[in-house]
């Protein structure tokens, strides 16, 4: 039986890869990979990403420039989100000031009935959630 693939890289389309990479680097505490530029930027998680030398490395996050970028409309609309990131935190209220200071905004739509997650928009307009972990 063949081994299962490993999720190596998650790539987000955006209008400004460096801006979005620096936002998520600030939020996650990850490093910007050497060689990142205006068209493609990659963040390296602590301990490093997946590679032939590190087959058990962590999934990496990257950003690619799209010239005709249109921000997702969520929870519905003409450009629905294709996916979103959930970021686990111990205390959403305590974590929120840091993501807002990094450039996020609180989304108007908050569907959590028990306060277990809160929806935000990153600087490119991608919804993401802080999730009580």
Protein backbone atom coordinates (compact mmCIF):
# COMPACT_ATOMS: atom_id res chain seq x y z
CA UNK A 1 0.00 0.00 0.00
CA UNK A 2 1.39 3.40 -1.00
CA UNK A 3 2.05 5.94 1.78
CA UNK A 4 -0.41 8.78 2.19
CA UNK A 5 0.65 12.19 0.88
CA UNK A 6 1.65 14.87 3.38
CA UNK A 7 0.08 18.32 3.24
CA UNK A 8 3.15 20.39 2.37
CA UNK A 9 1.93 23.86 1.44
CA UNK A 10 -1.27 25.90 1.62
CA UNK A 11 -1.30 28.79 -0.87
CA UNK A 12 -3.58 31.82 -0.65
CA UNK A 13 -4.23 34.00 -3.68
CA UNK A 14 -4.00 37.72 -2.96
CA UNK A 15 -3.13 41.09 -4.50
CA UNK A 16 0.02 41.70 -2.37
CA UNK A 17 1.87 38.55 -1.21
CA UNK A 18 4.47 40.36 0.89
CA UNK A 19 1.86 42.35 2.80
CA UNK A 20 -0.23 39.28 3.50
CA UNK A 21 2.82 37.17 4.40
CA UNK A 22 4.00 39.80 6.87
CA UNK A 23 0.49 39.94 8.38
CA UNK A 24 0.40 36.16 8.96
CA UNK A 25 4.06 36.14 10.07
CA UNK A 26 3.10 38.65 12.75
CA UNK A 27 -0.06 36.75 13.77
CA UNK A 28 1.54 33.27 13.79
CA UNK A 29 5.09 34.16 14.82
CA UNK A 30 6.50 32.42 11.73
CA UNK A 31 9.46 33.56 9.62
CA UNK A 32 9.37 34.88 6.06
CA UNK A 33 11.31 32.55 3.78
CA UNK A 34 14.39 33.93 2.06
CA UNK A 35 13.66 34.70 -1.59
CA UNK A 36 10.04 35.76 -1.03
CA UNK A 37 9.07 38.59 -3.35
CA UNK A 38 6.18 40.65 -4.74
CA UNK A 39 4.79 37.65 -6.65
CA UNK A 40 5.26 34.81 -4.16
CA UNK A 41 5.95 34.82 -0.41
CA UNK A 42 6.31 31.82 1.88
CA UNK A 43 6.22 31.55 5.66
CA UNK A 44 8.29 28.93 7.45
CA UNK A 45 6.75 27.40 10.56
CA UNK A 46 8.85 26.77 13.68
CA UNK A 47 10.80 23.57 13.15
CA UNK A 48 10.66 23.98 9.37
CA UNK A 49 8.45 22.86 6.54
CA UNK A 50 8.18 19.55 4.75
CA UNK A 51 11.26 18.66 2.71
CA UNK A 52 13.18 15.56 1.64
CA UNK A 53 15.39 16.11 4.70
CA UNK A 54 12.36 16.70 6.97
CA UNK A 55 9.52 14.46 5.75
CA UNK A 56 7.73 15.03 9.05
CA UNK A 57 8.02 18.83 8.83
CA UNK A 58 5.09 21.15 9.33
CA UNK A 59 2.74 22.47 6.65
CA UNK A 60 3.91 25.80 5.23
CA UNK A 61 1.79 28.82 4.27
CA UNK A 62 2.41 30.79 1.07
CA UNK A 63 0.85 33.67 -0.83
CA UNK A 64 0.74 34.24 -4.59
CA UNK A 65 -0.08 37.46 -6.42
CA UNK A 66 -3.20 37.51 -8.55
CA UNK A 67 -3.56 40.61 -10.75
CA UNK A 68 -7.35 40.58 -10.91
CA UNK A 69 -7.86 39.63 -7.24
CA UNK A 70 -11.38 39.99 -5.89
CA UNK A 71 -11.85 39.50 -2.14
CA UNK A 72 -14.23 36.72 -1.10
CA UNK A 73 -17.76 37.63 -0.11
CA UNK A 74 -18.80 35.68 2.95
CA UNK A 75 -21.15 34.23 4.01
CA UNK A 76 -22.48 34.37 0.44
CA UNK A 77 -22.36 36.52 -2.64
CA UNK A 78 -20.71 36.67 -6.03
CA UNK A 79 -17.22 35.55 -4.86
CA UNK A 80 -17.72 33.02 -2.06
CA UNK A 81 -14.73 31.90 -0.04
CA UNK A 82 -13.20 28.63 -1.17
CA UNK A 83 -11.73 27.85 2.26
CA UNK A 84 -10.59 29.66 5.37
CA UNK A 85 -7.97 29.28 8.09
CA UNK A 86 -8.87 28.43 11.70
CA UNK A 87 -6.26 29.58 14.21
CA UNK A 88 -6.48 27.91 17.60
CA UNK A 89 -6.02 30.10 20.70
CA UNK A 90 -6.63 29.55 24.39
CA UNK A 91 -8.60 32.79 24.83
CA UNK A 92 -10.18 34.57 21.87
CA UNK A 93 -10.63 37.87 23.73
CA UNK A 94 -6.97 37.86 24.79
CA UNK A 95 -5.74 36.97 21.26
CA UNK A 96 -7.93 39.46 19.40
CA UNK A 97 -5.91 42.67 20.06
CA UNK A 98 -2.81 41.16 18.41
CA UNK A 99 -4.62 40.15 15.21
CA UNK A 100 -6.32 43.55 15.02
CA UNK A 101 -2.98 45.32 15.57
CA UNK A 102 -1.46 43.20 12.76
CA UNK A 103 -4.13 44.46 10.34
CA UNK A 104 -7.17 42.17 10.70
CA UNK A 105 -10.71 43.40 11.12
CA UNK A 106 -13.65 41.79 12.87
CA UNK A 107 -16.20 40.48 10.36
CA UNK A 108 -19.75 41.81 10.73
CA UNK A 109 -21.14 38.26 10.50
CA UNK A 110 -20.53 36.20 13.67
CA UNK A 111 -22.37 32.87 13.43
CA UNK A 112 -20.98 31.23 16.59
CA UNK A 113 -23.80 30.73 19.06
CA UNK A 114 -21.53 29.67 21.93
CA UNK A 115 -18.53 31.99 21.40
CA UNK A 116 -16.29 29.10 20.38
CA UNK A 117 -14.94 31.01 17.38
CA UNK A 118 -14.85 34.54 16.00
CA UNK A 119 -14.59 35.50 12.32
CA UNK A 120 -12.07 38.10 11.07
CA UNK A 121 -10.86 39.38 7.71
CA UNK A 122 -7.16 39.48 6.87
CA UNK A 123 -5.78 42.53 4.96
CA UNK A 124 -6.69 40.93 1.59
CA UNK A 125 -10.25 40.16 2.72
CA UNK A 126 -9.92 36.41 3.39
CA UNK A 127 -12.11 35.31 6.28
CA UNK A 128 -10.26 33.47 9.05
CA UNK A 129 -11.28 32.44 12.54
CA UNK A 130 -9.80 32.49 15.97
CA UNK A 131 -11.04 29.26 17.51
CA UNK A 132 -11.00 28.50 21.22
CA UNK A 133 -8.60 25.56 21.48
